[in-house]
N, C-alpha and C. Protein backbone atom coordinates (compact mmCIF):
# COMPACT_ATOMS: atom_id res chain seq x y z
N UNK A 1 -5.49 10.89 -16.52
CA UNK A 1 -4.61 10.37 -17.27
C UNK A 1 -3.21 10.35 -16.83
N UNK A 2 -2.70 9.21 -17.46
CA UNK A 2 -1.17 9.36 -16.88
C UNK A 2 -0.28 10.53 -17.61
N UNK A 3 0.69 11.13 -16.84
CA UNK A 3 1.08 12.24 -17.32
C UNK A 3 2.61 11.74 -18.07
N UNK A 4 2.87 10.68 -18.05
CA UNK A 4 4.22 9.86 -18.69
C UNK A 4 3.60 8.67 -19.63
N UNK A 5 3.71 8.49 -20.62
CA UNK A 5 3.39 7.00 -20.93
C UNK A 5 3.99 5.42 -20.24
N UNK A 6 3.35 4.80 -20.25
CA UNK A 6 4.19 3.23 -19.53
C UNK A 6 5.28 2.86 -20.73
N UNK A 7 6.23 2.34 -20.08
CA UNK A 7 7.11 1.56 -21.25
C UNK A 7 6.25 0.02 -21.00
N UNK A 8 6.07 0.21 -22.55
CA UNK A 8 5.53 -1.81 -22.87
C UNK A 8 6.16 -2.73 -22.20
N UNK A 9 5.48 -3.97 -21.88
CA UNK A 9 6.53 -5.18 -21.11
C UNK A 9 7.32 -5.35 -22.21
N UNK A 10 7.51 -5.24 -23.31
CA UNK A 10 8.48 -6.02 -24.51
C UNK A 10 9.70 -4.82 -24.48
N UNK A 11 9.35 -3.99 -24.18
CA UNK A 11 10.60 -3.02 -23.83
C UNK A 11 11.11 -2.72 -22.74
N UNK A 12 10.47 -3.43 -21.70
CA UNK A 12 11.27 -3.41 -20.46
C UNK A 12 12.64 -4.20 -20.60
N UNK A 13 13.84 -3.77 -19.70
CA UNK A 13 14.91 -4.62 -19.84
C UNK A 13 14.68 -6.00 -19.08
N UNK A 14 15.60 -7.00 -19.54
CA UNK A 14 15.40 -7.99 -18.96
C UNK A 14 15.65 -8.49 -17.52
N UNK A 15 16.85 -7.78 -17.12
CA UNK A 15 16.93 -7.61 -15.39
C UNK A 15 15.45 -7.14 -14.89
N UNK A 16 14.86 -5.93 -15.46
CA UNK A 16 13.62 -5.60 -14.75
C UNK A 16 12.67 -6.23 -14.90
N UNK A 17 12.56 -7.09 -16.06
CA UNK A 17 11.44 -7.83 -16.09
C UNK A 17 11.59 -9.35 -15.42
N UNK A 18 12.81 -9.47 -14.66
CA UNK A 18 12.76 -10.66 -14.07
C UNK A 18 12.22 -10.05 -12.55
N UNK A 19 12.65 -8.71 -12.08
CA UNK A 19 11.51 -8.43 -10.93
C UNK A 19 10.46 -8.29 -11.03
N UNK A 20 10.00 -7.81 -12.10
CA UNK A 20 8.24 -7.62 -12.38
C UNK A 20 7.97 -8.98 -12.01
N UNK A 21 8.63 -10.16 -12.46
CA UNK A 21 7.85 -11.53 -12.91
C UNK A 21 8.10 -11.84 -11.35
N UNK A 22 8.65 -11.76 -10.67
CA UNK A 22 8.78 -11.82 -9.38
C UNK A 22 7.67 -11.38 -8.61
N UNK A 23 7.17 -10.21 -8.90
CA UNK A 23 6.13 -9.33 -8.05
C UNK A 23 4.80 -10.11 -8.77
N UNK A 24 4.67 -10.34 -9.99
CA UNK A 24 3.40 -11.05 -10.53
C UNK A 24 3.34 -12.13 -9.79
N UNK A 25 4.37 -13.12 -9.45
CA UNK A 25 4.04 -14.37 -8.97
C UNK A 25 3.39 -14.32 -7.65
N UNK A 26 3.89 -12.92 -6.71
CA UNK A 26 2.94 -13.07 -5.53
C UNK A 26 1.90 -12.04 -5.52
N UNK A 27 1.63 -10.93 -6.53
CA UNK A 27 0.36 -10.42 -6.60
C UNK A 27 -0.26 -10.47 -7.83
N UNK A 28 0.16 -11.11 -8.63
CA UNK A 28 -0.71 -11.41 -9.96
C UNK A 28 -0.57 -10.26 -10.96
N UNK A 29 0.23 -9.23 -10.82
CA UNK A 29 0.26 -8.07 -12.14
C UNK A 29 1.16 -6.78 -11.48
N UNK A 30 1.54 -6.38 -12.56
CA UNK A 30 2.67 -5.28 -12.27
C UNK A 30 1.79 -4.18 -12.53
N UNK A 31 1.79 -3.18 -11.34
CA UNK A 31 0.97 -1.87 -11.48
C UNK A 31 1.47 -0.98 -12.40
N UNK A 32 0.27 -0.31 -13.06
CA UNK A 32 0.94 0.93 -13.98
C UNK A 32 1.73 1.65 -13.77
N UNK A 33 1.82 2.30 -12.37
CA UNK A 33 2.80 3.06 -11.74
C UNK A 33 4.21 2.53 -12.21
N UNK A 34 4.32 1.49 -11.72
CA UNK A 34 5.74 0.88 -12.06
C UNK A 34 6.17 0.88 -13.51
N UNK A 35 5.40 0.92 -14.75
CA UNK A 35 5.48 0.73 -15.98
C UNK A 35 5.89 1.92 -16.45
N UNK A 36 5.76 2.83 -15.88
CA UNK A 36 5.84 4.55 -15.67
C UNK A 36 7.32 4.87 -15.25
N UNK A 37 7.80 4.06 -13.96
CA UNK A 37 9.12 3.96 -12.93
C UNK A 37 10.17 3.18 -14.11
N UNK A 38 9.56 2.22 -15.00
CA UNK A 38 10.53 1.71 -15.62
C UNK A 38 11.45 2.31 -16.90
N UNK A 39 11.22 3.81 -17.11
CA UNK A 39 11.78 4.88 -18.02
C UNK A 39 13.50 4.77 -17.42
N UNK A 40 13.19 4.53 -16.07
CA UNK A 40 14.95 4.32 -15.56
C UNK A 40 14.82 2.81 -14.98
N UNK A 41 15.08 1.89 -15.69
CA UNK A 41 15.36 0.78 -15.46
C UNK A 41 15.92 0.51 -13.88
N UNK A 42 17.10 1.24 -13.55
CA UNK A 42 17.86 1.01 -12.69
C UNK A 42 16.87 1.32 -11.04
N UNK A 43 16.62 2.48 -11.25
CA UNK A 43 15.54 3.16 -10.37
C UNK A 43 14.31 2.28 -10.03
N UNK A 44 13.82 1.77 -10.90
CA UNK A 44 12.66 0.47 -10.82
C UNK A 44 12.90 -0.45 -10.35
N UNK A 45 14.34 -1.06 -10.33
CA UNK A 45 14.38 -2.33 -10.25
C UNK A 45 14.72 -2.15 -8.68
N UNK A 46 15.94 -1.21 -8.29
CA UNK A 46 15.64 -1.14 -6.70
C UNK A 46 14.27 -0.69 -6.03
N UNK A 47 13.32 0.43 -6.69
CA UNK A 47 12.21 0.20 -6.12
C UNK A 47 11.45 -1.29 -6.01
N UNK A 48 11.47 -1.85 -6.98
CA UNK A 48 10.66 -3.17 -6.99
C UNK A 48 11.15 -4.11 -6.12
N UNK A 49 12.54 -4.22 -5.87
CA UNK A 49 13.16 -5.00 -4.87
C UNK A 49 12.65 -4.44 -3.49
N UNK A 50 12.93 -3.33 -3.39
CA UNK A 50 12.18 -2.79 -1.64
C UNK A 50 10.57 -3.23 -1.49
N UNK A 51 10.07 -2.90 -2.82
CA UNK A 51 8.56 -3.26 -2.37
C UNK A 51 8.38 -4.56 -2.17
N UNK A 52 8.94 -5.63 -2.75
CA UNK A 52 8.73 -7.36 -2.55
C UNK A 52 9.17 -7.21 -1.25
N UNK A 53 10.47 -6.95 -0.99
CA UNK A 53 10.83 -7.27 0.55
C UNK A 53 9.94 -6.41 1.90
N UNK A 54 9.38 -5.38 1.47
CA UNK A 54 8.65 -4.74 2.47
C UNK A 54 7.14 -5.40 2.56
N UNK A 55 6.77 -5.61 1.31
CA UNK A 55 5.13 -5.96 1.17
C UNK A 55 4.78 -7.93 0.97
N UNK A 56 5.76 -7.94 0.44
CA UNK A 56 5.54 -9.34 -0.48
C UNK A 56 6.50 -10.46 0.06
N UNK A 57 7.14 -10.14 1.31
CA UNK A 57 8.38 -11.23 1.75
C UNK A 57 7.76 -11.54 3.51
N UNK A 58 7.35 -12.29 3.83
CA UNK A 58 6.73 -13.28 5.00
C UNK A 58 8.01 -12.72 6.31
N UNK A 59 7.85 -12.12 6.98
CA UNK A 59 8.27 -11.73 8.41
C UNK A 59 7.57 -12.05 9.47
N UNK A 60 7.76 -10.87 10.43
CA UNK A 60 6.62 -10.88 11.40
C UNK A 60 5.53 -10.42 11.72
N UNK A 61 5.39 -9.22 11.06
CA UNK A 61 4.36 -8.29 11.04
C UNK A 61 3.32 -8.98 9.79
N UNK A 62 1.94 -9.53 10.20
CA UNK A 62 1.33 -10.08 9.23
C UNK A 62 1.01 -9.14 8.07
N UNK A 63 1.23 -10.12 6.92
CA UNK A 63 0.70 -9.35 5.21
C UNK A 63 -0.48 -8.42 5.26
N UNK A 64 -1.41 -8.76 5.91
CA UNK A 64 -2.81 -8.23 6.19
C UNK A 64 -2.32 -6.82 6.90
N UNK A 65 -1.65 -6.94 7.90
CA UNK A 65 -2.13 -5.55 8.66
C UNK A 65 -0.93 -4.75 7.88
N UNK A 66 0.11 -5.19 7.16
CA UNK A 66 0.90 -4.25 6.40
C UNK A 66 0.42 -3.46 5.09
N UNK A 67 -0.74 -4.24 4.49
CA UNK A 67 -1.49 -3.58 3.80
C UNK A 67 -2.56 -2.70 4.18
N UNK A 68 -3.27 -2.90 5.72
CA UNK A 68 -3.66 -1.89 6.00
C UNK A 68 -2.96 -0.80 6.65
N UNK A 69 -1.79 -1.14 7.06
CA UNK A 69 -1.08 0.09 7.70
C UNK A 69 -0.55 1.24 6.21
N UNK A 70 -0.36 0.41 4.90
CA UNK A 70 0.07 1.13 3.55
C UNK A 70 -1.40 2.05 3.35
N UNK A 71 -2.60 1.47 3.55
CA UNK A 71 -3.81 1.71 3.39
C UNK A 71 -4.00 3.16 4.12
N UNK A 72 -3.81 2.84 5.15
CA UNK A 72 -4.42 3.83 6.30
C UNK A 72 -3.05 5.26 6.09
N UNK A 73 -1.61 5.01 5.87
CA UNK A 73 -0.80 6.11 5.76
C UNK A 73 -1.03 6.60 4.14
N UNK A 74 -1.63 5.79 3.24
CA UNK A 74 -1.97 6.75 1.99
C UNK A 74 -3.33 7.30 2.17
N UNK A 75 -4.13 6.71 2.76
CA UNK A 75 -5.60 7.65 3.26
C UNK A 75 -5.07 9.34 3.72
N UNK A 76 -4.07 9.01 5.01
CA UNK A 76 -3.93 10.29 5.23
C UNK A 76 -2.88 11.24 4.21
N UNK A 77 -2.44 10.60 3.35
CA UNK A 77 -1.73 11.43 2.60
C UNK A 77 -2.35 11.73 1.38
N UNK A 78 -3.57 11.31 1.21
CA UNK A 78 -4.74 11.67 0.02
C UNK A 78 -4.64 10.90 -1.35
N UNK A 79 -3.87 10.15 -1.00
CA UNK A 79 -3.56 9.08 -2.35
C UNK A 79 -4.50 8.19 -3.20
N UNK A 80 -5.29 8.31 -3.90
CA UNK A 80 -6.29 7.52 -4.24
C UNK A 80 -5.82 6.22 -5.07
N UNK A 81 -4.60 6.18 -5.97
CA UNK A 81 -4.13 5.40 -6.36
C UNK A 81 -3.99 4.11 -5.50
N UNK A 82 -3.12 4.49 -4.30
CA UNK A 82 -2.70 3.69 -3.61
C UNK A 82 -3.45 3.34 -2.19
N UNK A 83 -4.39 4.26 -2.06
CA UNK A 83 -5.66 3.63 -1.28
C UNK A 83 -6.85 2.57 -1.86
N UNK A 84 -6.87 2.37 -3.08
CA UNK A 84 -7.42 1.31 -3.74
C UNK A 84 -6.42 -0.03 -3.68
N UNK A 85 -5.26 0.48 -4.22
CA UNK A 85 -4.34 -0.71 -4.15
C UNK A 85 -4.14 -1.52 -3.19
N UNK A 86 -3.87 -0.58 -2.09
CA UNK A 86 -3.80 -1.51 -0.79
C UNK A 86 -4.77 -2.28 0.03
N UNK A 87 -6.07 -1.77 0.13
CA UNK A 87 -7.34 -2.39 0.19
C UNK A 87 -7.23 -3.61 -0.71
N UNK A 88 -7.60 -3.61 -1.78
CA UNK A 88 -7.45 -4.34 -2.87
C UNK A 88 -6.46 -5.68 -2.65
N UNK A 89 -5.27 -5.15 -2.53
CA UNK A 89 -3.95 -6.28 -2.33
C UNK A 89 -4.02 -7.08 -0.99
N UNK A 90 -4.63 -6.41 -0.02
CA UNK A 90 -5.04 -6.59 1.39
C UNK A 90 -6.52 -7.90 1.25
N UNK A 91 -6.92 -7.55 0.47
CA UNK A 91 -8.29 -8.61 0.27
C UNK A 91 -7.94 -10.02 -0.22
N UNK A 92 -7.20 -9.45 -1.72
CA UNK A 92 -6.78 -10.71 -2.06
C UNK A 92 -5.69 -11.86 -1.71
N UNK A 93 -4.90 -11.12 -0.77
CA UNK A 93 -3.92 -12.04 0.18
C UNK A 93 -4.42 -12.31 1.15
N UNK A 94 -5.96 -11.97 1.90
CA UNK A 94 -6.12 -11.97 3.05
C UNK A 94 -6.45 -13.68 3.10
N UNK A 95 -6.45 -14.36 4.40
CA UNK A 95 -6.21 -16.13 4.46
C UNK A 95 -7.37 -16.54 4.93
N UNK A 96 -8.51 -15.44 5.44
CA UNK A 96 -9.69 -15.89 5.86
C UNK A 96 -10.57 -14.68 6.20
N UNK A 97 -12.37 -15.33 6.16
CA UNK A 97 -13.24 -14.06 6.06
C UNK A 97 -12.80 -13.13 7.06
N UNK A 98 -12.37 -13.52 8.49
CA UNK A 98 -12.23 -12.41 9.58
C UNK A 98 -11.17 -11.44 8.87
N UNK A 99 -10.55 -11.87 8.09
CA UNK A 99 -9.39 -11.00 7.86
C UNK A 99 -9.92 -9.86 6.84
N UNK A 100 -10.63 -10.61 5.62
CA UNK A 100 -11.43 -9.69 4.86
C UNK A 100 -12.31 -8.61 5.53
N UNK A 101 -13.10 -9.05 6.54
CA UNK A 101 -13.70 -7.86 7.02
C UNK A 101 -13.10 -6.80 7.61
N UNK A 102 -11.79 -7.36 8.26
CA UNK A 102 -11.31 -6.32 8.87
C UNK A 102 -10.57 -5.28 7.74
N UNK A 103 -10.19 -5.81 6.74
CA UNK A 103 -9.59 -4.73 5.62
C UNK A 103 -10.99 -3.94 5.16
N UNK A 104 -12.37 -4.65 5.20
CA UNK A 104 -13.19 -3.90 4.75
C UNK A 104 -13.69 -2.82 5.47
N UNK A 105 -12.89 -2.88 6.68
CA UNK A 105 -13.67 -2.01 7.92
C UNK A 105 -12.41 -1.20 8.45
N UNK A 106 -11.33 -1.08 7.76
CA UNK A 106 -9.95 -0.50 8.40
C UNK A 106 -10.27 1.08 8.35
N UNK A 107 -11.33 1.88 7.44
CA UNK A 107 -11.23 3.20 7.63
C UNK A 107 -11.87 3.60 8.78
N UNK A 108 -12.42 2.29 9.73
CA UNK A 108 -13.16 2.65 11.17
C UNK A 108 -12.43 2.20 11.97
N UNK A 109 -10.96 1.84 11.96
CA UNK A 109 -10.28 0.97 12.59
C UNK A 109 -10.29 1.67 14.54
N UNK A 110 -10.33 2.88 14.65
CA UNK A 110 -10.45 3.58 15.97
C UNK A 110 -11.74 2.83 16.83
N UNK A 111 -12.42 2.88 16.05
CA UNK A 111 -14.01 2.30 16.37
C UNK A 111 -14.39 0.84 16.36
N UNK A 112 -14.09 0.23 15.41
CA UNK A 112 -14.40 -0.78 15.21
C UNK A 112 -14.18 -2.18 16.02
N UNK A 113 -14.79 -2.91 16.74
CA UNK A 113 -14.46 -3.89 17.55
C UNK A 113 -13.83 -5.01 17.01
N UNK A 114 -13.83 -5.10 15.59
CA UNK A 114 -12.66 -6.39 15.04
C UNK A 114 -11.35 -5.82 14.98
N UNK A 115 -10.71 -4.57 15.58
CA UNK A 115 -9.47 -4.53 16.01
C UNK A 115 -8.83 -4.46 16.76
N UNK A 116 -7.50 -5.27 17.10
CA UNK A 116 -7.06 -4.98 18.47
C UNK A 116 -6.30 -3.98 18.83
N UNK A 117 -5.89 -3.96 20.05
CA UNK A 117 -5.22 -2.59 20.54
C UNK A 117 -3.89 -2.83 19.94
N UNK A 118 -3.16 -3.62 19.79
CA UNK A 118 -1.80 -3.54 18.64
C UNK A 118 -2.35 -3.27 17.45
N UNK A 119 -3.23 -3.72 16.63
CA UNK A 119 -3.34 -3.44 15.44
C UNK A 119 -3.61 -1.53 15.47
N UNK A 120 -4.71 -1.42 16.07
CA UNK A 120 -5.28 0.15 16.60
C UNK A 120 -3.59 1.20 16.79
N UNK A 121 -2.48 0.42 17.45
CA UNK A 121 -1.30 1.28 17.93
C UNK A 121 -0.83 1.30 16.23
N UNK A 122 -0.52 0.13 15.40
CA UNK A 122 0.38 0.50 14.49
C UNK A 122 -0.27 1.42 13.23
N UNK A 123 -1.95 1.16 13.27
CA UNK A 123 -2.76 1.72 12.33
C UNK A 123 -2.63 3.50 12.76
N UNK A 124 -2.66 3.75 14.08
CA UNK A 124 -2.41 5.11 14.49
C UNK A 124 -1.01 6.04 14.20
N UNK A 125 -0.24 5.07 14.10
CA UNK A 125 0.94 5.51 13.67
C UNK A 125 1.01 6.07 12.08
N UNK A 126 0.46 4.87 11.42
CA UNK A 126 0.38 5.30 10.02
C UNK A 126 -0.42 6.21 9.59
N UNK A 127 -1.25 6.30 10.33
CA UNK A 127 -2.15 7.58 10.29
C UNK A 127 -1.41 9.05 10.53
N UNK A 128 -0.74 9.15 11.42
CA UNK A 128 0.09 10.20 11.93
C UNK A 128 1.41 10.59 10.73
N UNK A 129 2.05 9.29 10.43
CA UNK A 129 3.15 9.56 9.57
C UNK A 129 2.51 9.61 8.25
N UNK A 130 1.37 9.31 7.86
CA UNK A 130 1.17 9.87 6.26
C UNK A 130 0.68 11.50 6.20
N UNK A 131 0.56 12.19 6.97
CA UNK A 131 0.41 13.60 6.90
C UNK A 131 1.78 14.41 6.91
N UNK A 132 1.49 15.56 6.27
CA UNK A 132 2.65 16.25 6.24
C UNK A 132 2.38 17.67 6.98
N UNK A 133 3.22 18.33 8.09
CA UNK A 133 4.04 17.61 9.00
C UNK A 133 3.82 16.20 9.76
N UNK A 134 4.85 15.50 9.99
CA UNK A 134 4.36 13.85 10.57
C UNK A 134 3.72 14.36 11.83
N UNK A 135 2.98 13.50 12.00
CA UNK A 135 2.07 13.72 13.08
C UNK A 135 2.04 13.14 14.62
N UNK A 136 2.90 11.84 14.19
CA UNK A 136 3.26 10.73 15.22
C UNK A 136 3.65 11.36 16.49
N UNK A 137 2.92 11.09 17.59
CA UNK A 137 3.48 11.54 18.98
C UNK A 137 4.37 10.74 19.72
N UNK A 138 5.17 11.11 20.95
CA UNK A 138 5.67 10.28 21.48
C UNK A 138 4.86 9.20 22.32
N UNK A 139 3.41 9.49 22.51
CA UNK A 139 2.67 8.64 23.14
C UNK A 139 2.40 7.54 22.10
N UNK A 140 1.89 8.06 20.96
CA UNK A 140 1.77 6.89 19.93
C UNK A 140 2.71 5.75 19.81
N UNK A 141 4.00 6.21 19.39
CA UNK A 141 5.33 5.47 19.50
C UNK A 141 5.58 4.61 20.85
N UNK A 142 5.29 5.09 21.70
CA UNK A 142 5.35 4.26 23.19
C UNK A 142 4.19 3.54 22.96
N UNK A 143 2.94 3.25 22.51
CA UNK A 143 1.75 2.40 22.45
C UNK A 143 2.63 1.41 21.46
N UNK A 144 3.19 1.81 20.28
CA UNK A 144 3.70 0.81 19.42
C UNK A 144 4.63 -0.01 20.17
N UNK A 145 5.42 0.43 20.83
CA UNK A 145 6.57 -0.24 21.44
C UNK A 145 5.96 -1.25 22.54
N UNK A 146 4.72 -1.16 23.21
CA UNK A 146 4.13 -2.03 24.12
C UNK A 146 3.73 -3.51 23.26
N UNK A 147 3.24 -3.18 22.20
CA UNK A 147 2.91 -4.41 21.31
C UNK A 147 3.91 -5.01 20.34
N UNK A 148 5.18 -4.07 20.26
CA UNK A 148 5.79 -4.53 18.97
C UNK A 148 7.40 -4.74 19.15
N UNK A 149 8.13 -5.84 18.73
CA UNK A 149 9.54 -5.34 18.97
C UNK A 149 10.14 -4.67 17.91
N UNK A 150 11.52 -4.28 18.20
CA UNK A 150 12.42 -3.30 17.29
C UNK A 150 12.20 -3.80 16.00
N UNK A 151 12.30 -5.14 15.71
CA UNK A 151 12.31 -5.59 13.99
C UNK A 151 10.68 -5.17 13.79
N UNK A 152 9.69 -5.51 14.30
CA UNK A 152 8.49 -5.32 13.65
C UNK A 152 8.33 -3.83 13.44
N UNK A 153 8.56 -3.18 14.31
CA UNK A 153 8.50 -1.59 14.12
C UNK A 153 9.31 -1.27 13.35
N UNK A 154 10.22 -1.73 12.60
CA UNK A 154 11.31 -1.39 11.77
C UNK A 154 10.02 -1.83 10.38
N UNK A 155 9.61 -2.67 10.39
CA UNK A 155 8.68 -3.64 9.13
C UNK A 155 7.72 -2.36 9.07
N UNK A 156 6.86 -1.99 10.23
CA UNK A 156 5.88 -1.30 10.02
C UNK A 156 6.30 -0.04 9.36
N UNK A 157 7.02 0.57 10.07
CA UNK A 157 7.63 2.31 9.55
C UNK A 157 8.19 1.81 7.96
N UNK A 158 8.86 0.88 7.68
CA UNK A 158 9.12 0.88 6.18
C UNK A 158 8.07 0.47 5.47
N UNK A 159 6.77 0.19 5.68
CA UNK A 159 5.58 0.14 4.97
C UNK A 159 5.21 1.35 4.63
N UNK A 160 4.97 2.55 5.98
CA UNK A 160 4.93 3.80 6.10
C UNK A 160 5.49 4.48 4.95
N UNK A 161 6.72 4.18 5.08
CA UNK A 161 7.83 4.75 4.19
C UNK A 161 7.62 4.57 2.90
N UNK A 162 7.67 3.30 2.22
CA UNK A 162 7.54 2.65 0.93
C UNK A 162 5.87 3.48 0.01
N UNK A 163 4.95 3.57 1.22
CA UNK A 163 4.00 4.06 0.68
C UNK A 163 3.95 5.87 0.35
N UNK A 164 4.69 6.09 1.23
CA UNK A 164 5.26 7.73 1.34
C UNK A 164 5.93 8.16 -0.33
N UNK A 165 6.93 7.00 -0.67
CA UNK A 165 7.23 7.24 -1.72
C UNK A 165 6.29 6.83 -2.82
N UNK A 166 5.66 6.05 -2.59
CA UNK A 166 4.17 5.69 -3.85
C UNK A 166 3.09 6.67 -3.76
N UNK A 167 3.25 7.36 -2.66
CA UNK A 167 2.04 8.55 -2.67
C UNK A 167 2.48 9.57 -3.40
N UNK A 168 3.54 10.15 -3.49
CA UNK A 168 4.11 11.04 -4.05
C UNK A 168 4.52 10.80 -5.24
N UNK A 169 4.88 9.66 -5.82
CA UNK A 169 5.14 9.20 -7.27
C UNK A 169 3.43 9.16 -7.86
N UNK A 170 2.58 8.50 -7.23
CA UNK A 170 1.08 8.41 -8.03
C UNK A 170 0.39 9.42 -8.13
N UNK A 171 0.58 10.45 -7.08
CA UNK A 171 -0.27 11.77 -7.22
C UNK A 171 0.38 12.77 -8.15
N UNK A 172 1.88 12.66 -8.47
CA UNK A 172 2.47 13.33 -9.38
C UNK A 172 2.27 12.93 -10.70
N UNK A 173 2.43 11.66 -10.97
CA UNK A 173 2.54 10.84 -12.50
C UNK A 173 1.34 10.45 -12.92
N UNK A 174 0.18 10.53 -11.93
CA UNK A 174 -1.16 10.19 -12.44
C UNK A 174 -1.39 9.11 -13.32
N UNK A 175 -0.77 7.90 -12.71
CA UNK A 175 -1.08 6.46 -13.87
C UNK A 175 -2.60 6.42 -13.74
N UNK A 176 -3.26 5.39 -14.48
CA UNK A 176 -4.20 5.11 -14.30
C UNK A 176 -4.27 3.89 -13.80
N UNK A 177 -5.84 3.59 -12.71
CA UNK A 177 -5.63 2.41 -12.09
C UNK A 177 -6.00 1.48 -13.25
N UNK A 178 -5.61 0.14 -12.86
CA UNK A 178 -5.83 -1.01 -13.38
C UNK A 178 -7.47 -1.58 -13.16
N UNK A 179 -7.45 -2.14 -13.87
CA UNK A 179 -9.30 -3.10 -13.89
C UNK A 179 -9.59 -3.78 -12.88
N UNK A 180 -8.57 -4.79 -12.72
CA UNK A 180 -8.33 -5.36 -11.37
C UNK A 180 -8.91 -4.49 -9.87
N UNK A 181 -8.00 -3.50 -9.86
CA UNK A 181 -8.44 -2.79 -8.64
C UNK A 181 -9.93 -1.79 -9.16
N UNK A 182 -10.23 -1.66 -10.05
CA UNK A 182 -11.46 -0.93 -10.36
C UNK A 182 -12.50 -1.53 -9.99
N UNK A 183 -12.45 -3.23 -10.29
CA UNK A 183 -13.23 -4.03 -10.10
C UNK A 183 -13.61 -4.37 -8.55
N UNK A 184 -12.51 -4.13 -7.74
CA UNK A 184 -12.55 -4.31 -6.16
C UNK A 184 -13.03 -3.04 -5.52
N UNK A 185 -13.05 -1.94 -6.53
CA UNK A 185 -13.67 -0.48 -5.91
C UNK A 185 -15.26 -0.83 -6.16
N UNK A 186 -15.59 -1.13 -7.29
CA UNK A 186 -16.99 -1.24 -7.48
C UNK A 186 -17.68 -2.23 -6.72
N UNK A 187 -17.19 -3.26 -6.38
CA UNK A 187 -17.85 -4.43 -5.87
C UNK A 187 -17.78 -3.94 -3.98
N UNK A 188 -17.10 -2.98 -3.77
CA UNK A 188 -16.98 -3.07 -2.18
C UNK A 188 -17.79 -1.48 -2.06
N UNK A 189 -18.26 -0.53 -3.09
CA UNK A 189 -18.77 0.56 -3.52
C UNK A 189 -17.91 1.69 -2.31
N UNK A 190 -16.68 1.61 -2.87
CA UNK A 190 -15.96 2.70 -2.09
C UNK A 190 -16.06 3.89 -2.34
N UNK A 191 -16.82 4.24 -3.42
CA UNK A 191 -16.92 5.67 -3.91
C UNK A 191 -18.11 6.21 -3.00
N UNK A 192 -19.07 5.12 -2.09
CA UNK A 192 -19.58 5.94 -1.44
C UNK A 192 -19.14 5.98 0.03
N UNK A 193 -18.07 5.43 0.25
CA UNK A 193 -17.64 5.41 1.43
C UNK A 193 -15.97 6.52 1.08
N UNK A 194 -16.09 7.08 0.38
CA UNK A 194 -15.30 8.55 0.45
C UNK A 194 -13.94 8.29 -0.40
N UNK A 195 -13.85 6.91 -0.90
CA UNK A 195 -12.80 6.90 -2.07
C UNK A 195 -13.04 7.71 -3.43
N UNK A 196 -12.33 8.41 -4.21
CA UNK A 196 -12.41 8.75 -5.59
C UNK A 196 -11.23 8.28 -6.32
N UNK A 197 -11.67 8.31 -7.73
CA UNK A 197 -10.82 7.60 -8.89
C UNK A 197 -10.02 8.86 -8.98
N UNK A 198 -10.22 10.28 -8.86
CA UNK A 198 -9.51 11.16 -9.03
C UNK A 198 -9.15 11.44 -10.67
N UNK A 199 -7.49 11.54 -10.54
CA UNK A 199 -7.22 11.68 -11.74
C UNK A 199 -6.49 10.33 -12.40
N UNK A 200 -6.81 9.27 -11.72
CA UNK A 200 -6.55 7.90 -12.13
C UNK A 200 -7.19 7.20 -13.00
N UNK A 201 -8.19 7.92 -13.38
CA UNK A 201 -9.13 7.48 -14.54
C UNK A 201 -9.02 7.34 -15.74
């Protein structure tokens, strides 16, 4: 159960509501975690803008890979809320069945033949960066440089850093998971694959 109440949508400031609407247009909803962040609208607005730029704006790194990076980093950090959001959002925004299969197999990225070496390099950095202390090695980063430009590496690490913020926020505030995402967890049997609702029920 959430440790702080959500700010009701009707009480959200006009400026913050405008940013929420932008995320709704791209992702279909505003997470409960953001409604808690809305107690300080200026921080919420800055964060949501950063999230939209990092996750919902098409650049060089494919959106599906960004959701998988966020998922692996969140799993390394142990954040059940973000683990579910990232696979559910990745599946929702996937453009084809091959991408959905990859998202479904992301927990086995090192062994699964579905993943390219470039994707494995990015996900390996996400895994190392998601733990404390940071476990990314020079070899991990050199592998990343073999496949990605400087701009793409900034995108990749920005995703990891964004979820670093969210992992700590959600594990501390314990927002309840939304029915949309819980439906995905049930449909994909995530509980049988190591995911738990934890404090977010």
